[in-house]
Structures are given as C-alpha cells and as structure tokens.
Amino acid sequence: MDQFDQLLAINNGRSAQLLQSVVDFLPKLVFALIVWIVFWFVAKAVRAWVIFLAEKVGLEKITEKTGIGQFVSNANFKQSTSGVIAALFYWIVYLIGLNIAFDTMGLTTVSTLISDLISYIPNLFIAVILIVIGSYAAKFVKDITDGAIVTAKVEEHKWVGHVAYIVVMVFAIITALKQ
C-alpha cells in the first residue's frame, strides 16, 4: 500500500501542476483573444478607410489607364484594384494583431513566424510600386513606338507596340520579383 500512496502523491502533484499551468495560462489566453478581436475590428476599419481613400483619389481610373486594372481583372481577383490594396492593408493589421496575441501567450515560435511574414511586406509594396511604374513606362514606350510606326507609314505595325510593351513589362516584373 505504501507504493500506491507514493504513486497517488506523485499523480496528485502532477495534476496540481497541470491545473496550475492551466490557471496561469487562462489570463494570457483571454488577453490574447481580446487583442485579436480588437485588431480584427481595427483591420476591418482600415480596409474600409483604404477603400474610401482609393475612391476619393480615383484609383480605379488611374489603374485602368495604366493597364493594372485589366491585369487585376484578368487575374480573376474578385475585387477591384482598390479592394486588393485594401485587403493587403487588412492582412497587415490583422497579422500584427495575431503576432501580438501569440506573443502575449508566450508562443514565440508562431510569433516569430508571423514577424518574418510581416517584415516581408515592405518588399511586396516595393514590388507593386515597381510594377505600377513599369506599366506606366511600358504604356509610354508602346505609345511612342506606335506613334513612330504610324508616322513612318509602316504596314502591319500593331504588333510592334505590343512587343515593346511586353518587353518593358517583363523587365519590370523581373525587377519586382528580385524584391
């Protein structure tokens, strides 16, 4: 019976430790949930704000002129260009909230992974800016090429401008991918 009492005492000690660990973790979990919910609402507000600003600036008209709007629609996005940008901002804020929530729970591995993902986002912004600038440059080169070919009265000239556009866009995309 003495061994049984020892096993029972060991088991009670471990159960008490487990219960204490759960009790210690519960406030962290509740606080993490509160942080997550707050950042979720903030992310939704940021998304709405970005869409509002994009409409005020006329981003859809700008992207249609540069061909980015056509690219977004050809890529089968279910949102407009401003919706895609707003979704990007939404996920940035949401991931920051998740990072803080996991960090408060002491889950450093997950927090580090999300931090690495968040730190990559500026490269994504630079890549998008490079593609936008590249599309402006490609359209400019296409228009110049088309104008020069029409002025020279060359037959079957439509493909030359398209080739120039594609070449410039390929360089812009390659440069963006290096980010």
Foldseek 3Di string as FASTA:
>chain_A
DVVVVVVVVVVVVVVVVVVVVVVVLVVLLVVLVVLLVVLLVVLVVQLVVQLVVCVVVVVQVLCVVLVNQVVCVVVVDPDGPSNVVSVLSSVLSNLVSNLVSCVSSVVVVVNVVSVVVSVCVVLLVVLVVLLSVLSVVLLVQLVVQVVVCVVVVDPPRNVVSVVSSVVSNVVSNVVSVVD
